[in-house]
C-alpha atoms as a PDB file:
ATOM      1  CA  MET A   1       4.324  -9.388  19.638  1.00  0.00           C
ATOM      2  CA  ALA A   2       5.500  -5.821  19.817  1.00  0.00           C
ATOM      3  CA  LYS A   3       8.622  -5.404  21.910  1.00  0.00           C
ATOM      4  CA  LEU A   4       9.206  -2.731  24.494  1.00  0.00           C
ATOM      5  CA  THR A   5      12.029  -0.485  23.376  1.00  0.00           C
ATOM      6  CA  ARG A   6      13.902   2.158  25.326  1.00  0.00           C
ATOM      7  CA  ARG A   7      12.116   4.834  23.319  1.00  0.00           C
ATOM      8  CA  GLY A   8       8.764   3.170  23.992  1.00  0.00           C
ATOM      9  CA  LEU A   9       9.455   3.113  27.707  1.00  0.00           C
ATOM     10  CA  LEU A  10      10.407   6.783  27.799  1.00  0.00           C
ATOM     11  CA  THR A  11       7.502   7.945  25.618  1.00  0.00           C
ATOM     12  CA  GLY A  12       4.843   5.841  27.314  1.00  0.00           C
ATOM     13  CA  GLY A  13       4.685   3.259  24.522  1.00  0.00           C
ATOM     14  CA  TRP A  14       4.522   0.496  27.105  1.00  0.00           C
ATOM     15  CA  HIS A  15       0.821   1.291  27.557  1.00  0.00           C
ATOM     16  CA  SER A  16      -0.055  -0.206  24.192  1.00  0.00           C
ATOM     17  CA  LEU A  17       2.055  -3.270  23.575  1.00  0.00           C
ATOM     18  CA  THR A  18      -0.320  -4.690  20.986  1.00  0.00           C
ATOM     19  CA  PRO A  19       0.863  -6.999  18.245  1.00  0.00           C
ATOM     20  CA  VAL A  20       1.435  -5.297  14.914  1.00  0.00           C
ATOM     21  CA  ILE A  21       0.111  -6.749  11.675  1.00  0.00           C
ATOM     22  CA  ARG A  22       2.509  -6.237   8.789  1.00  0.00           C
ATOM     23  CA  PRO A  23       1.417  -6.253   5.117  1.00  0.00           C
ATOM     24  CA  PRO A  24       0.207  -9.569   3.705  1.00  0.00           C
ATOM     25  CA  TRP A  25       2.924 -11.923   2.449  1.00  0.00           C
ATOM     26  CA  SER A  26       5.579  -9.970   4.387  1.00  0.00           C
ATOM     27  CA  GLY A  27       6.643 -13.079   6.273  1.00  0.00           C
ATOM     28  CA  ASP A  28       8.803 -13.235   9.375  1.00  0.00           C
ATOM     29  CA  GLU A  29       8.756 -10.075  11.514  1.00  0.00           C
ATOM     30  CA  THR A  30      12.493 -10.075  12.224  1.00  0.00           C
ATOM     31  CA  HIS A  31      13.379 -10.494   8.556  1.00  0.00           C
ATOM     32  CA  PHE A  32      10.886  -7.787   7.590  1.00  0.00           C
ATOM     33  CA  LEU A  33      12.257  -5.263  10.096  1.00  0.00           C
ATOM     34  CA  LEU A  34      15.839  -5.929   9.050  1.00  0.00           C
ATOM     35  CA  ASP A  35      15.274  -5.582   5.310  1.00  0.00           C
ATOM     36  CA  CYS A  36      12.462  -3.020   5.020  1.00  0.00           C
ATOM     37  CA  THR A  37      13.859   0.387   4.071  1.00  0.00           C
ATOM     38  CA  ARG A  38      10.662   2.214   5.143  1.00  0.00           C
ATOM     39  CA  CYS A  39      10.301   3.804   1.711  1.00  0.00           C
ATOM     40  CA  ASP A  40       6.472   3.900   1.957  1.00  0.00           C
ATOM     41  CA  THR A  41       6.035   2.467  -1.541  1.00  0.00           C
ATOM     42  CA  CYS A  42       3.742  -0.284  -0.280  1.00  0.00           C
ATOM     43  CA  ILE A  43       1.650   2.266   1.640  1.00  0.00           C
ATOM     44  CA  THR A  44       1.324   4.489  -1.421  1.00  0.00           C
ATOM     45  CA  VAL A  45       0.044   1.711  -3.688  1.00  0.00           C
ATOM     46  CA  CYS A  46      -2.370   0.154  -1.173  1.00  0.00           C
ATOM     47  CA  GLN A  47      -5.711   0.242  -2.984  1.00  0.00           C
ATOM     48  CA  SER A  48      -7.871  -0.161   0.124  1.00  0.00           C
ATOM     49  CA  ARG A  49      -5.790   2.243   2.253  1.00  0.00           C
ATOM     50  CA  VAL A  50      -5.356  -0.193   5.142  1.00  0.00           C
ATOM     51  CA  LEU A  51      -1.579   0.140   5.145  1.00  0.00           C
ATOM     52  CA  ARG A  52      -0.185   2.987   7.200  1.00  0.00           C
ATOM     53  CA  ARG A  53       3.162   4.095   8.558  1.00  0.00           C
ATOM     54  CA  GLY A  54       3.532   2.631  12.026  1.00  0.00           C
ATOM     55  CA  GLN A  55       6.000   3.004  14.845  1.00  0.00           C
ATOM     56  CA  GLY A  56       9.543   3.377  13.570  1.00  0.00           C
ATOM     57  CA  GLY A  57       8.228   4.148  10.086  1.00  0.00           C
ATOM     58  CA  TYR A  58       7.487   0.517   9.234  1.00  0.00           C
ATOM     59  CA  PRO A  59       4.267  -0.295   7.360  1.00  0.00           C
ATOM     60  CA  GLU A  60       1.475  -1.901   9.347  1.00  0.00           C
ATOM     61  CA  ILE A  61      -2.155  -2.774   8.807  1.00  0.00           C
ATOM     62  CA  ASP A  62      -5.017  -0.714  10.216  1.00  0.00           C
ATOM     63  CA  PHE A  63      -8.382  -2.325   9.456  1.00  0.00           C
ATOM     64  CA  SER A  64     -10.469   0.615  10.684  1.00  0.00           C
ATOM     65  CA  PRO A  65     -10.840   2.157   7.178  1.00  0.00           C
ATOM     66  CA  GLY A  66     -11.762  -1.139   5.556  1.00  0.00           C
ATOM     67  CA  GLU A  67     -10.528  -4.544   4.502  1.00  0.00           C
ATOM     68  CA  CYS A  68      -7.475  -5.880   2.721  1.00  0.00           C
ATOM     69  CA  THR A  69      -8.466  -7.057  -0.748  1.00  0.00           C
ATOM     70  CA  PHE A  70      -5.273  -9.097  -1.175  1.00  0.00           C
ATOM     71  CA  CYS A  71      -4.543  -7.281  -4.440  1.00  0.00           C
ATOM     72  CA  TYR A  72      -0.788  -7.947  -4.003  1.00  0.00           C
ATOM     73  CA  ALA A  73       0.048  -4.375  -5.112  1.00  0.00           C
ATOM     74  CA  CYS A  74       2.106  -3.748  -1.955  1.00  0.00           C
ATOM     75  CA  ALA A  75       4.258  -6.798  -2.611  1.00  0.00           C
ATOM     76  CA  GLU A  76       4.726  -6.045  -6.315  1.00  0.00           C
ATOM     77  CA  ALA A  77       5.751  -2.447  -5.582  1.00  0.00           C
ATOM     78  CA  CYS A  78       8.350  -3.310  -2.934  1.00  0.00           C
ATOM     79  CA  PRO A  79      11.822  -2.452  -4.244  1.00  0.00           C
ATOM     80  CA  GLU A  80      13.432  -4.786  -1.694  1.00  0.00           C
ATOM     81  CA  GLN A  81      11.381  -7.820  -2.740  1.00  0.00           C
ATOM     82  CA  LEU A  82      10.527  -8.665   0.874  1.00  0.00           C
ATOM     83  CA  PHE A  83       7.281 -10.426   0.115  1.00  0.00           C
ATOM     84  CA  ALA A  84       6.551 -14.102  -0.417  1.00  0.00           C
ATOM     85  CA  PRO A  85       4.892 -15.262  -3.652  1.00  0.00           C
ATOM     86  CA  GLN A  86       1.164 -14.557  -3.935  1.00  0.00           C
ATOM     87  CA  SER A  87       0.508 -18.287  -4.198  1.00  0.00           C
ATOM     88  CA  SER A  88       1.397 -18.702  -0.513  1.00  0.00           C
ATOM     89  CA  LYS A  89      -0.888 -17.820   2.413  1.00  0.00           C
ATOM     90  CA  PRO A  90      -0.919 -14.015   2.972  1.00  0.00           C
ATOM     91  CA  TRP A  91      -0.637 -14.225   6.768  1.00  0.00           C
ATOM     92  CA  ALA A  92      -1.666 -16.173   9.854  1.00  0.00           C
ATOM     93  CA  LEU A  93      -4.140 -14.100  11.867  1.00  0.00           C
ATOM     94  CA  THR A  94      -6.551 -15.028  14.620  1.00  0.00           C
ATOM     95  CA  LEU A  95      -9.913 -13.330  14.980  1.00  0.00           C
ATOM     96  CA  GLN A  96     -10.864 -12.390  18.543  1.00  0.00           C
ATOM     97  CA  LEU A  97     -14.215 -11.218  19.845  1.00  0.00           C
ATOM     98  CA  ALA A  98     -14.333  -8.891  22.868  1.00  0.00           C
ATOM     99  CA  GLU A  99     -17.021  -8.648  25.538  1.00  0.00           C
ATOM    100  CA  THR A 100     -18.227  -5.387  23.960  1.00  0.00           C
ATOM    101  CA  CYS A 101     -19.949  -7.394  21.194  1.00  0.00           C
ATOM    102  CA  LEU A 102     -23.593  -6.313  21.121  1.00  0.00           C
ATOM    103  CA  ALA A 103     -24.861  -9.858  20.531  1.00  0.00           C
ATOM    104  CA  LEU A 104     -23.230 -10.959  23.793  1.00  0.00           C
ATOM    105  CA  HIS A 105     -25.382  -8.317  25.536  1.00  0.00           C
ATOM    106  CA  GLN A 106     -28.677  -9.452  23.995  1.00  0.00           C
ATOM    107  CA  VAL A 107     -28.681  -6.793  21.260  1.00  0.00           C
ATOM    108  CA  GLU A 108     -29.356  -8.022  17.741  1.00  0.00           C
ATOM    109  CA  CYS A 109     -26.392  -7.099  15.534  1.00  0.00           C
ATOM    110  CA  ARG A 110     -24.908  -9.040  12.651  1.00  0.00           C
ATOM    111  CA  SER A 111     -22.731  -6.442  10.969  1.00  0.00           C
ATOM    112  CA  CYS A 112     -19.665  -8.682  11.168  1.00  0.00           C
ATOM    113  CA  GLU A 113     -21.505 -11.606   9.585  1.00  0.00           C
ATOM    114  CA  ASP A 114     -22.790  -9.356   6.803  1.00  0.00           C
ATOM    115  CA  ALA A 115     -19.274  -8.073   6.091  1.00  0.00           C
ATOM    116  CA  CYS A 116     -17.623 -11.503   6.147  1.00  0.00           C
ATOM    117  CA  GLU A 117     -17.513 -12.828   2.595  1.00  0.00           C
ATOM    118  CA  PRO A 118     -15.986 -16.242   3.442  1.00  0.00           C
ATOM    119  CA  ARG A 119     -18.705 -16.708   6.123  1.00  0.00           C
ATOM    120  CA  ALA A 120     -16.164 -17.235   8.924  1.00  0.00           C
ATOM    121  CA  ILE A 121     -18.567 -15.548  11.347  1.00  0.00           C
ATOM    122  CA  ARG A 122     -21.990 -17.136  11.691  1.00  0.00           C
ATOM    123  CA  PHE A 123     -24.745 -16.469  14.180  1.00  0.00           C
ATOM    124  CA  LEU A 124     -26.360 -19.429  15.881  1.00  0.00           C
ATOM    125  CA  PRO A 125     -29.747 -19.250  17.618  1.00  0.00           C
ATOM    126  CA  THR A 126     -29.874 -19.432  21.416  1.00  0.00           C
ATOM    127  CA  LEU A 127     -32.661 -20.037  23.929  1.00  0.00           C
ATOM    128  CA  GLU A 128     -32.320 -16.416  25.087  1.00  0.00           C
ATOM    129  CA  GLY A 129     -33.579 -15.200  21.690  1.00  0.00           C
ATOM    130  CA  VAL A 130     -30.583 -13.286  20.352  1.00  0.00           C
ATOM    131  CA  SER A 131     -28.235 -15.309  18.194  1.00  0.00           C
ATOM    132  CA  ARG A 132     -24.596 -15.487  19.262  1.00  0.00           C
ATOM    133  CA  PRO A 133     -21.568 -15.271  16.977  1.00  0.00           C
ATOM    134  CA  GLN A 134     -19.524 -18.350  16.207  1.00  0.00           C
ATOM    135  CA  ILE A 135     -16.115 -17.980  14.581  1.00  0.00           C
ATOM    136  CA  SER A 136     -14.644 -20.498  12.160  1.00  0.00           C
ATOM    137  CA  SER A 137     -10.881 -20.008  12.284  1.00  0.00           C
ATOM    138  CA  SER A 138     -10.385 -22.240   9.269  1.00  0.00           C
ATOM    139  CA  ALA A 139     -12.703 -20.124   7.092  1.00  0.00           C
ATOM    140  CA  CYS A 140     -11.215 -16.757   8.143  1.00  0.00           C
ATOM    141  CA  HIS A 141      -8.558 -15.449   5.769  1.00  0.00           C
ATOM    142  CA  GLY A 142      -7.894 -12.269   7.771  1.00  0.00           C
ATOM    143  CA  CYS A 143      -9.180  -9.586   5.396  1.00  0.00           C
ATOM    144  CA  GLY A 144     -10.462  -7.387   8.248  1.00  0.00           C
ATOM    145  CA  ALA A 145     -13.876  -6.596   6.761  1.00  0.00           C
ATOM    146  CA  CYS A 146     -15.518  -7.607  10.034  1.00  0.00           C
ATOM    147  CA  VAL A 147     -13.243  -5.262  12.009  1.00  0.00           C
ATOM    148  CA  ALA A 148     -14.211  -2.197  10.002  1.00  0.00           C
ATOM    149  CA  GLY A 149     -17.912  -3.074  10.144  1.00  0.00           C
ATOM    150  CA  CYS A 150     -18.235  -3.632  13.894  1.00  0.00           C
ATOM    151  CA  PRO A 151     -20.065  -0.716  15.585  1.00  0.00           C
ATOM    152  CA  THR A 152     -18.468  -1.402  18.992  1.00  0.00           C
ATOM    153  CA  SER A 153     -14.932  -2.306  17.842  1.00  0.00           C
ATOM    154  CA  ALA A 154     -15.371  -5.724  19.437  1.00  0.00           C
ATOM    155  CA  ILE A 155     -13.398  -7.586  16.758  1.00  0.00           C
ATOM    156  CA  THR A 156      -9.644  -7.684  16.507  1.00  0.00           C
ATOM    157  CA  LEU A 157      -7.262  -9.630  14.333  1.00  0.00           C
ATOM    158  CA  ARG A 158      -3.899 -10.605  15.808  1.00  0.00           C
ATOM    159  CA  PRO A 159      -0.936 -12.571  14.531  1.00  0.00           C
ATOM    160  CA  GLN A 160      -1.376 -16.213  15.539  1.00  0.00           C
ATOM    161  CA  ASP A 161       1.874 -16.289  17.479  1.00  0.00           C
ATOM    162  CA  ALA A 162       0.815 -13.290  19.653  1.00  0.00           C
ATOM    163  CA  HIS A 163      -0.533 -14.001  23.105  1.00  0.00           C
END
């Protein structure tokens, strides 16, 4: 979870204490912040342009332009070798669905299901007529395709240890 800093308090950063998602395979947040030199190399080589410079100059993920393709280019380009091997799991993220989801308001929408290649989001029929989304945490690998495709921004991905 993002921590409130003195600068954040003075600049109003306490309004948005949302957990930050670091690049895939970047590992432990504390270790990453200590060893990352903020050189922007990983951001420059990101093929899907989901990496951006975040608060303090550290790279973070923004799924609004699209999904992470897990190309591993960010990890290979890092001069500090901060990233875990590609054979390990890229990250532990949890998909959350907000009340702004159209399907929860009886509006037929399946853009997240269409965007989800591993089929972690499925729509199940209901007696009310409009199918409701069901999320399979075990099938979700955290690429963010569903986030970019949602017309109401009802989907968020958060680190699993964030509350």
